[in-house]
Structure formats: C-alpha cells, structure tokens
C-alpha atoms as a PDB file:
ATOM      1  CA  MET A   1       0.048  -0.005  -0.011  1.00  0.00           C
ATOM      2  CA  VAL A   2       2.793   2.377   0.930  1.00  0.00           C
ATOM      3  CA  ILE A   3       4.699   1.579  -2.305  1.00  0.00           C
ATOM      4  CA  ARG A   4       1.543   2.194  -4.434  1.00  0.00           C
ATOM      5  CA  LEU A   5       1.043   5.519  -2.676  1.00  0.00           C
ATOM      6  CA  LYS A   6       4.675   6.497  -3.393  1.00  0.00           C
ATOM      7  CA  LYS A   7       4.371   5.544  -7.048  1.00  0.00           C
ATOM      8  CA  LEU A   8       1.137   7.665  -7.241  1.00  0.00           C
ATOM      9  CA  LEU A   9       2.812  10.579  -5.689  1.00  0.00           C
ATOM     10  CA  SER A  10       5.745  10.230  -8.062  1.00  0.00           C
ATOM     11  CA  VAL A  11       3.363  10.221 -10.961  1.00  0.00           C
ATOM     12  CA  LEU A  12       1.470  13.327  -9.774  1.00  0.00           C
ATOM     13  CA  LEU A  13       4.738  15.103  -9.038  1.00  0.00           C
ATOM     14  CA  GLY A  14       5.943  14.289 -12.593  1.00  0.00           C
ATOM     15  CA  ILE A  15       2.702  15.632 -14.086  1.00  0.00           C
ATOM     16  CA  LEU A  16       2.965  18.756 -12.016  1.00  0.00           C
ATOM     17  CA  LEU A  17       6.532  19.383 -13.169  1.00  0.00           C
ATOM     18  CA  ILE A  18       5.475  18.833 -16.833  1.00  0.00           C
ATOM     19  CA  VAL A  19       2.569  21.354 -16.490  1.00  0.00           C
ATOM     20  CA  LEU A  20       4.848  23.929 -14.777  1.00  0.00           C
ATOM     21  CA  GLY A  21       7.444  23.378 -17.572  1.00  0.00           C
ATOM     22  CA  LEU A  22       4.754  24.126 -20.164  1.00  0.00           C
ATOM     23  CA  LEU A  23       3.439  27.136 -18.493  1.00  0.00           C
ATOM     24  CA  PHE A  24       7.090  28.557 -18.227  1.00  0.00           C
ATOM     25  CA  LEU A  25       7.659  27.820 -21.905  1.00  0.00           C
ATOM     26  CA  LEU A  26       4.413  29.609 -22.844  1.00  0.00           C
ATOM     27  CA  TYR A  27       5.364  32.615 -20.686  1.00  0.00           C
ATOM     28  CA  GLY A  28       8.727  32.862 -22.321  1.00  0.00           C
ATOM     29  CA  VAL A  29       7.238  32.783 -25.892  1.00  0.00           C
ATOM     30  CA  SER A  30       4.635  35.419 -24.998  1.00  0.00           C
ATOM     31  CA  ALA A  31       7.267  37.793 -23.446  1.00  0.00           C
ATOM     32  CA  LEU A  32       9.548  37.400 -26.457  1.00  0.00           C
ATOM     33  CA  LYS A  33       6.651  38.152 -28.825  1.00  0.00           C
ATOM     34  CA  ASN A  34       5.682  41.269 -26.868  1.00  0.00           C
ATOM     35  CA  LYS A  35       9.341  42.459 -26.895  1.00  0.00           C
ATOM     36  CA  GLU A  36       9.745  41.973 -30.674  1.00  0.00           C
ATOM     37  CA  THR A  37       6.314  43.532 -31.590  1.00  0.00           C
ATOM     38  CA  PRO A  38       5.898  47.031 -30.182  1.00  0.00           C
ATOM     39  CA  ALA A  39       2.499  48.471 -29.340  1.00  0.00           C
ATOM     40  CA  THR A  40       0.951  50.031 -32.515  1.00  0.00           C
ATOM     41  CA  ASP A  41      -0.422  52.958 -30.486  1.00  0.00           C
ATOM     42  CA  SER A  42       2.997  54.074 -29.080  1.00  0.00           C
ATOM     43  CA  PRO A  43       3.447  57.824 -29.557  1.00  0.00           C
ATOM     44  CA  LYS A  44       5.603  59.012 -32.418  1.00  0.00           C
ATOM     45  CA  GLN A  45       8.938  60.567 -31.586  1.00  0.00           C
ATOM     46  CA  ILE A  46       8.737  64.462 -31.480  1.00  0.00           C
ATOM     47  CA  THR A  47      11.981  66.012 -32.464  1.00  0.00           C
ATOM     48  CA  GLN A  48      11.070  69.617 -31.416  1.00  0.00           C
ATOM     49  CA  ALA A  49       8.243  70.919 -29.275  1.00  0.00           C
ATOM     50  CA  GLN A  50       6.270  73.747 -30.857  1.00  0.00           C
ATOM     51  CA  ALA A  51       6.403  76.990 -28.790  1.00  0.00           C
ATOM     52  CA  PRO A  52       3.090  78.239 -27.354  1.00  0.00           C
ATOM     53  CA  ALA A  53       1.824  80.751 -29.898  1.00  0.00           C
ATOM     54  CA  GLU A  54       0.105  82.825 -27.411  1.00  0.00           C
ATOM     55  CA  GLN A  55       3.390  83.771 -25.598  1.00  0.00           C
ATOM     56  CA  PRO A  56       5.829  86.475 -27.070  1.00  0.00           C
ATOM     57  CA  MET A  57       8.542  84.982 -29.125  1.00  0.00           C
ATOM     58  CA  ILE A  58      11.588  86.009 -31.093  1.00  0.00           C
ATOM     59  CA  ALA A  59      14.077  84.287 -33.375  1.00  0.00           C
ATOM     60  CA  LEU A  60      17.732  84.768 -32.932  1.00  0.00           C
ATOM     61  CA  THR A  61      19.606  84.028 -36.102  1.00  0.00           C
ATOM     62  CA  PHE A  62      23.294  83.706 -36.779  1.00  0.00           C
ATOM     63  CA  ASP A  63      24.963  83.952 -40.276  1.00  0.00           C
ATOM     64  CA  ASP A  64      28.294  82.934 -41.916  1.00  0.00           C
ATOM     65  CA  GLY A  65      29.368  80.193 -39.423  1.00  0.00           C
ATOM     66  CA  PRO A  66      30.168  77.803 -38.150  1.00  0.00           C
ATOM     67  CA  TYR A  67      33.089  78.985 -35.995  1.00  0.00           C
ATOM     68  CA  GLY A  68      33.620  76.719 -32.972  1.00  0.00           C
ATOM     69  CA  PRO A  69      34.870  79.150 -30.295  1.00  0.00           C
ATOM     70  CA  VAL A  70      31.887  81.578 -30.874  1.00  0.00           C
ATOM     71  CA  THR A  71      29.207  79.124 -31.960  1.00  0.00           C
ATOM     72  CA  SER A  72      29.815  76.975 -28.949  1.00  0.00           C
ATOM     73  CA  ARG A  73      29.451  79.836 -26.515  1.00  0.00           C
ATOM     74  CA  ILE A  74      26.239  80.920 -28.192  1.00  0.00           C
ATOM     75  CA  LEU A  75      24.824  77.323 -27.773  1.00  0.00           C
ATOM     76  CA  ASP A  76      25.835  77.160 -24.203  1.00  0.00           C
ATOM     77  CA  ALA A  77      24.086  80.418 -23.442  1.00  0.00           C
ATOM     78  CA  LEU A  78      20.954  79.165 -25.182  1.00  0.00           C
ATOM     79  CA  GLN A  79      20.963  75.914 -23.366  1.00  0.00           C
ATOM     80  CA  LYS A  80      21.076  77.620 -19.902  1.00  0.00           C
ATOM     81  CA  GLU A  81      17.634  79.202 -20.749  1.00  0.00           C
ATOM     82  CA  ASN A  82      16.143  76.331 -22.804  1.00  0.00           C
ATOM     83  CA  GLY A  83      16.377  78.595 -25.851  1.00  0.00           C
ATOM     84  CA  LYS A  84      16.811  77.866 -29.547  1.00  0.00           C
ATOM     85  CA  ALA A  85      18.148  79.666 -32.500  1.00  0.00           C
ATOM     86  CA  THR A  86      18.658  79.415 -36.291  1.00  0.00           C
ATOM     87  CA  PHE A  87      22.148  79.147 -37.814  1.00  0.00           C
ATOM     88  CA  PHE A  88      22.558  79.956 -41.453  1.00  0.00           C
ATOM     89  CA  ILE A  89      25.650  77.960 -42.293  1.00  0.00           C
ATOM     90  CA  VAL A  90      28.018  78.513 -45.246  1.00  0.00           C
ATOM     91  CA  GLY A  91      28.921  75.147 -46.815  1.00  0.00           C
ATOM     92  CA  SER A  92      32.541  75.882 -47.689  1.00  0.00           C
ATOM     93  CA  ARG A  93      33.126  76.528 -43.921  1.00  0.00           C
ATOM     94  CA  ILE A  94      31.949  73.221 -42.701  1.00  0.00           C
ATOM     95  CA  ALA A  95      35.105  71.221 -43.392  1.00  0.00           C
ATOM     96  CA  GLY A  96      37.121  70.941 -40.243  1.00  0.00           C
ATOM     97  CA  ARG A  97      34.184  72.229 -38.135  1.00  0.00           C
ATOM     98  CA  GLU A  98      31.838  69.233 -38.522  1.00  0.00           C
ATOM     99  CA  GLU A  99      31.636  68.707 -34.779  1.00  0.00           C
ATOM    100  CA  THR A 100      30.330  72.306 -34.267  1.00  0.00           C
ATOM    101  CA  VAL A 101      27.658  71.658 -36.881  1.00  0.00           C
ATOM    102  CA  LYS A 102      26.627  68.480 -35.070  1.00  0.00           C
ATOM    103  CA  LYS A 103      26.488  70.368 -31.886  1.00  0.00           C
ATOM    104  CA  ILE A 104      24.085  72.916 -33.448  1.00  0.00           C
ATOM    105  CA  ALA A 105      21.795  70.131 -34.529  1.00  0.00           C
ATOM    106  CA  ALA A 106      22.122  68.211 -31.220  1.00  0.00           C
ATOM    107  CA  ALA A 107      20.994  71.308 -29.427  1.00  0.00           C
ATOM    108  CA  GLY A 108      17.762  71.411 -31.190  1.00  0.00           C
ATOM    109  CA  CYS A 109      18.662  74.469 -33.111  1.00  0.00           C
ATOM    110  CA  GLU A 110      17.653  74.956 -36.732  1.00  0.00           C
ATOM    111  CA  ILE A 111      20.072  75.002 -39.728  1.00  0.00           C
ATOM    112  CA  GLY A 112      19.595  77.229 -42.633  1.00  0.00           C
ATOM    113  CA  ASN A 113      21.177  77.459 -46.117  1.00  0.00           C
ATOM    114  CA  HIS A 114      23.426  80.489 -46.634  1.00  0.00           C
ATOM    115  CA  THR A 115      24.977  79.234 -49.919  1.00  0.00           C
ATOM    116  CA  TYR A 116      28.145  77.221 -50.280  1.00  0.00           C
ATOM    117  CA  ASP A 117      30.518  80.098 -51.148  1.00  0.00           C
ATOM    118  CA  HIS A 118      28.667  83.103 -49.470  1.00  0.00           C
ATOM    119  CA  VAL A 119      28.065  84.621 -52.817  1.00  0.00           C
ATOM    120  CA  THR A 120      25.489  87.307 -53.818  1.00  0.00           C
ATOM    121  CA  LEU A 121      22.729  85.428 -55.609  1.00  0.00           C
ATOM    122  CA  ARG A 122      21.598  88.448 -57.608  1.00  0.00           C
ATOM    123  CA  GLY A 123      23.036  88.350 -61.137  1.00  0.00           C
ATOM    124  CA  LEU A 124      23.700  84.609 -61.120  1.00  0.00           C
ATOM    125  CA  ASN A 125      21.809  82.404 -63.536  1.00  0.00           C
ATOM    126  CA  ASP A 126      19.501  79.594 -62.424  1.00  0.00           C
ATOM    127  CA  ALA A 127      22.125  76.883 -62.771  1.00  0.00           C
ATOM    128  CA  GLN A 128      24.593  78.903 -60.649  1.00  0.00           C
ATOM    129  CA  VAL A 129      22.059  79.644 -57.897  1.00  0.00           C
ATOM    130  CA  LEU A 130      21.077  75.970 -57.766  1.00  0.00           C
ATOM    131  CA  ASP A 131      24.539  74.930 -57.562  1.00  0.00           C
ATOM    132  CA  GLN A 132      25.271  77.087 -54.599  1.00  0.00           C
ATOM    133  CA  LEU A 133      22.123  76.027 -52.725  1.00  0.00           C
ATOM    134  CA  GLN A 134      22.594  72.342 -53.589  1.00  0.00           C
ATOM    135  CA  LYS A 135      26.259  72.125 -52.590  1.00  0.00           C
ATOM    136  CA  ASP A 136      25.453  73.663 -49.218  1.00  0.00           C
ATOM    137  CA  ASP A 137      22.654  71.225 -48.622  1.00  0.00           C
ATOM    138  CA  GLU A 138      24.935  68.301 -49.634  1.00  0.00           C
ATOM    139  CA  ALA A 139      27.628  69.384 -47.276  1.00  0.00           C
ATOM    140  CA  LEU A 140      25.150  69.656 -44.430  1.00  0.00           C
ATOM    141  CA  LYS A 141      23.575  66.362 -45.103  1.00  0.00           C
ATOM    142  CA  LYS A 142      26.911  64.592 -44.998  1.00  0.00           C
ATOM    143  CA  VAL A 143      27.389  65.897 -41.415  1.00  0.00           C
ATOM    144  CA  VAL A 144      23.903  65.998 -39.784  1.00  0.00           C
ATOM    145  CA  GLY A 145      21.974  63.653 -42.026  1.00  0.00           C
ATOM    146  CA  HIS A 146      19.451  66.269 -43.453  1.00  0.00           C
ATOM    147  CA  GLU A 147      19.440  69.298 -45.591  1.00  0.00           C
ATOM    148  CA  SER A 148      18.641  72.807 -44.465  1.00  0.00           C
ATOM    149  CA  THR A 149      15.047  73.932 -43.880  1.00  0.00           C
ATOM    150  CA  LEU A 150      15.361  77.595 -44.624  1.00  0.00           C
ATOM    151  CA  LEU A 151      17.248  79.898 -46.945  1.00  0.00           C
ATOM    152  CA  ARG A 152      18.890  83.254 -46.272  1.00  0.00           C
ATOM    153  CA  PRO A 153      20.621  84.856 -49.267  1.00  0.00           C
ATOM    154  CA  PRO A 154      23.942  86.493 -48.277  1.00  0.00           C
ATOM    155  CA  GLY A 155      23.323  90.070 -47.528  1.00  0.00           C
ATOM    156  CA  GLY A 156      19.593  89.531 -47.891  1.00  0.00           C
ATOM    157  CA  ILE A 157      20.069  90.171 -51.633  1.00  0.00           C
ATOM    158  CA  TYR A 158      18.020  88.209 -54.133  1.00  0.00           C
ATOM    159  CA  GLU A 159      15.714  88.468 -57.085  1.00  0.00           C
ATOM    160  CA  LYS A 160      12.078  87.485 -56.826  1.00  0.00           C
ATOM    161  CA  HIS A 161      12.793  84.721 -59.415  1.00  0.00           C
ATOM    162  CA  LEU A 162      14.569  82.941 -56.550  1.00  0.00           C
ATOM    163  CA  LEU A 163      11.096  81.887 -55.229  1.00  0.00           C
ATOM    164  CA  THR A 164      10.659  79.682 -58.311  1.00  0.00           C
ATOM    165  CA  LEU A 165      13.847  77.831 -57.637  1.00  0.00           C
ATOM    166  CA  THR A 166      13.399  76.839 -54.000  1.00  0.00           C
ATOM    167  CA  ASP A 167      10.612  75.801 -51.781  1.00  0.00           C
ATOM    168  CA  LYS A 168      12.310  76.999 -48.681  1.00  0.00           C
ATOM    169  CA  PRO A 169      11.107  80.097 -46.918  1.00  0.00           C
ATOM    170  CA  ILE A 170      13.478  83.000 -47.586  1.00  0.00           C
ATOM    171  CA  VAL A 171      14.423  84.478 -44.274  1.00  0.00           C
ATOM    172  CA  LEU A 172      15.490  88.109 -43.816  1.00  0.00           C
ATOM    173  CA  TRP A 173      15.336  90.000 -40.443  1.00  0.00           C
ATOM    174  CA  THR A 174      13.582  92.711 -38.586  1.00  0.00           C
ATOM    175  CA  ILE A 175      16.508  93.872 -36.386  1.00  0.00           C
ATOM    176  CA  ASP A 176      19.979  94.092 -37.819  1.00  0.00           C
ATOM    177  CA  THR A 177      22.523  94.371 -34.972  1.00  0.00           C
ATOM    178  CA  MET A 178      25.409  95.173 -37.517  1.00  0.00           C
ATOM    179  CA  ASP A 179      27.670  93.217 -35.227  1.00  0.00           C
ATOM    180  CA  TRP A 180      30.042  92.435 -38.062  1.00  0.00           C
ATOM    181  CA  SER A 181      30.725  96.066 -38.464  1.00  0.00           C
ATOM    182  CA  HIS A 182      31.303  97.344 -35.056  1.00  0.00           C
ATOM    183  CA  GLN A 183      32.136  94.126 -33.138  1.00  0.00           C
ATOM    184  CA  ASN A 184      31.047  95.824 -29.873  1.00  0.00           C
ATOM    185  CA  LYS A 185      29.080  93.852 -27.312  1.00  0.00           C
ATOM    186  CA  ASP A 186      27.344  96.846 -25.834  1.00  0.00           C
ATOM    187  CA  ILE A 187      26.109  98.160 -29.203  1.00  0.00           C
ATOM    188  CA  THR A 188      24.724  94.770 -30.086  1.00  0.00           C
ATOM    189  CA  VAL A 189      22.961  94.427 -26.795  1.00  0.00           C
ATOM    190  CA  LYS A 190      21.551  97.910 -26.931  1.00  0.00           C
ATOM    191  CA  ARG A 191      20.234  97.599 -30.476  1.00  0.00           C
ATOM    192  CA  VAL A 192      18.361  94.449 -29.489  1.00  0.00           C
ATOM    193  CA  LEU A 193      16.942  95.517 -26.239  1.00  0.00           C
ATOM    194  CA  ASP A 194      15.950  98.958 -27.290  1.00  0.00           C
ATOM    195  CA  ASN A 195      13.958  97.663 -30.291  1.00  0.00           C
ATOM    196  CA  VAL A 196      12.887  94.022 -29.681  1.00  0.00           C
ATOM    197  CA  GLU A 197       9.191  93.131 -30.052  1.00  0.00           C
ATOM    198  CA  ASP A 198       7.168  89.980 -30.327  1.00  0.00           C
ATOM    199  CA  GLY A 199       7.846  88.235 -33.626  1.00  0.00           C
ATOM    200  CA  ASP A 200      11.166  89.824 -34.302  1.00  0.00           C
ATOM    201  CA  ILE A 201      13.968  88.043 -36.269  1.00  0.00           C
ATOM    202  CA  ILE A 202      17.320  89.251 -35.030  1.00  0.00           C
ATOM    203  CA  LEU A 203      20.380  89.124 -37.292  1.00  0.00           C
ATOM    204  CA  MET A 204      23.818  88.411 -35.824  1.00  0.00           C
ATOM    205  CA  HIS A 205      26.962  86.510 -36.950  1.00  0.00           C
ATOM    206  CA  ASP A 206      28.588  83.641 -35.023  1.00  0.00           C
ATOM    207  CA  LEU A 207      32.031  84.642 -36.107  1.00  0.00           C
ATOM    208  CA  PHE A 208      33.044  87.296 -33.536  1.00  0.00           C
ATOM    209  CA  PRO A 209      33.732  86.920 -29.777  1.00  0.00           C
ATOM    210  CA  ALA A 210      32.036  90.249 -29.205  1.00  0.00           C
ATOM    211  CA  THR A 211      28.802  88.610 -30.528  1.00  0.00           C
ATOM    212  CA  ALA A 212      29.168  85.728 -28.116  1.00  0.00           C
ATOM    213  CA  ASP A 213      29.667  88.239 -25.316  1.00  0.00           C
ATOM    214  CA  ALA A 214      26.481  89.960 -26.379  1.00  0.00           C
ATOM    215  CA  VAL A 215      24.459  86.724 -26.638  1.00  0.00           C
ATOM    216  CA  GLU A 216      25.498  85.687 -23.109  1.00  0.00           C
ATOM    217  CA  GLU A 217      24.034  88.862 -21.851  1.00  0.00           C
ATOM    218  CA  LEU A 218      20.976  88.972 -24.219  1.00  0.00           C
ATOM    219  CA  VAL A 219      19.706  85.493 -23.776  1.00  0.00           C
ATOM    220  CA  PRO A 220      18.980  85.697 -19.924  1.00  0.00           C
ATOM    221  CA  GLU A 221      17.603  89.220 -20.240  1.00  0.00           C
ATOM    222  CA  LEU A 222      15.316  88.396 -23.126  1.00  0.00           C
ATOM    223  CA  THR A 223      14.031  85.316 -21.201  1.00  0.00           C
ATOM    224  CA  LYS A 224      13.463  87.517 -18.162  1.00  0.00           C
ATOM    225  CA  ARG A 225      11.346  89.907 -20.219  1.00  0.00           C
ATOM    226  CA  GLY A 226       9.133  86.971 -21.206  1.00  0.00           C
ATOM    227  CA  PHE A 227      10.385  86.195 -24.768  1.00  0.00           C
ATOM    228  CA  GLN A 228      10.488  82.520 -25.972  1.00  0.00           C
ATOM    229  CA  LEU A 229      13.700  82.076 -27.944  1.00  0.00           C
ATOM    230  CA  VAL A 230      12.579  79.998 -30.865  1.00  0.00           C
ATOM    231  CA  THR A 231      13.758  78.765 -34.287  1.00  0.00           C
ATOM    232  CA  VAL A 232      12.471  80.630 -37.403  1.00  0.00           C
ATOM    233  CA  SER A 233      10.321  77.621 -38.342  1.00  0.00           C
ATOM    234  CA  GLU A 234       8.680  77.788 -34.913  1.00  0.00           C
ATOM    235  CA  LEU A 235       8.050  81.472 -35.463  1.00  0.00           C
ATOM    236  CA  ILE A 236       6.499  80.802 -38.958  1.00  0.00           C
ATOM    237  CA  ALA A 237       4.225  78.128 -37.455  1.00  0.00           C
ATOM    238  CA  ALA A 238       3.096  80.404 -34.677  1.00  0.00           C
ATOM    239  CA  ARG A 239       2.800  83.734 -36.642  1.00  0.00           C
ATOM    240  CA  ARG A 240       1.908  82.320 -40.124  1.00  0.00           C
ATOM    241  CA  GLU A 241       3.559  84.983 -42.053  1.00  0.00           C
ATOM    242  CA  PRO A 242       5.958  86.922 -39.789  1.00  0.00           C
ATOM    243  CA  ASP A 243       7.742  90.074 -40.852  1.00  0.00           C
ATOM    244  CA  GLY A 244      11.143  89.281 -42.366  1.00  0.00           C
ATOM    245  CA  VAL A 245      10.108  86.002 -43.978  1.00  0.00           C
ATOM    246  CA  VAL A 246       9.124  85.545 -47.643  1.00  0.00           C
ATOM    247  CA  LEU A 247       7.068  82.490 -48.277  1.00  0.00           C
ATOM    248  CA  ARG A 248       6.690  80.956 -51.782  1.00  0.00           C
ATOM    249  CA  GLN A 249       2.862  81.316 -51.732  1.00  0.00           C
ATOM    250  CA  SER A 250       3.403  85.133 -51.272  1.00  0.00           C
ATOM    251  CA  ALA A 251       5.034  85.401 -54.697  1.00  0.00           C
END
C-alpha cells in the first residue's frame, strides 16, 4: 500500500513538473513576442516641441558660421535658458568644423542654407544659384543627415525669381545688429533690447567673440522679459507670415 502511494505521488509530481514546464515555456514565448512587436499605439517621436503661440517669441539668427569658439558659446548660453536659435551655415566653412555643426543640430537649433561660397545670388543664372544651394545642402547632409530647412541669401540680396527655384522660406530679418561692422558687445545688446518686439527676427553672426559676449547677456535678459527664444520655423508656425520672412505662396 505504501509502495503504491509513493508511485502515485511520483506520477502526480511528474505531471505537475510537466505542467509547470509548459506554463514557463508559454510565458517565455509570450514575453519574447511582446518584446519583438511594439505596441501600435505608441506615440511618435517628437523632435522639437512647438512653442506656445500665445506667448511672445523672437528668433535669434546667426549667419556665416560655423566657428567653434563663438558658436559653442552661443549654444551654451541658449541651453542655460532652454532657448533655440537658427544658424545659416556657409557650406565651404563646414570642413574641419563638423563637430560644431553636429552640436548645433544636437542642441535642437535649426540650420539654414546660406549658400556654399557666401556669394550674392543676384546676377547669377539659375544653374549657378541651384549649384550654390545644392552644394550647401549636400555638405550639411553629410554631417547631420538632413538638408537645411530655410534659406537666407547672403546680404539678404536676391531676385524675386529665386522663389521659383526653392521651396524653402526666404528668411531676412527685422533687427540688424550690425555686429560684423562694429564688433562691440554693448552696441549689439543695446540695439536688440531697445527695439525688440514679439515676432522679431534678429540678425547676428557667429564669427566674432563680441557677438558671443552679447548673446551671453541677451539670452537671460530676453528670457527675463518673457520672450521665448525659438527657431524661425517655430516662429513661422506660430505667426503664419511673420515680418522678415518671404514664403513661396506670397510670390
């Protein structure tokens, strides 16, 4: 009787172990399936949050770079206040400064086209204009993986025909600091703070230490005054057709 009972218990124990093994196997397969097949309703990645349109905003823009010692200081100043800016990059100046361009993109700032050789577009034929724009975009794409989103002609000089050659918004400005001319921090700061209003596009150049000095003073002060520091594309999205921007549909 005792021997039969032991055999029965051994059989039951064996069955129990088999059942537990099957359950463990089913759990493992289910977990693996869930890991390999992500939920279909997972949110899409958002690369850049849109600035609240109801709050005052301005776009700081920088031409003619990159130049590491200055561009990096500007990015650091912006980061301290969670600000963004737009950099209009000259393609021929990228070589040897790739890390600075990557830093601009990694900071969530916007990159615009400023031609490959910083040439005046007025007077060039269509092929020459397209060559300048395409070469700049190709140089940018090799470094950051995408082309520019905006276009600023050097000197802001262009012919209306340019609107038929590009889909990019043509970005000019509403406040010109003339920082390239005087290279004086105090003058740059004063020109901005004395004139700045909601929706302004401010022109500077990330080539001069005095400009970095000015930005380090301007960014916290502008933020203190309630301005969001946004990219030009964010400004366009919030203000539809802001002053200083020429959209193709306006042609």
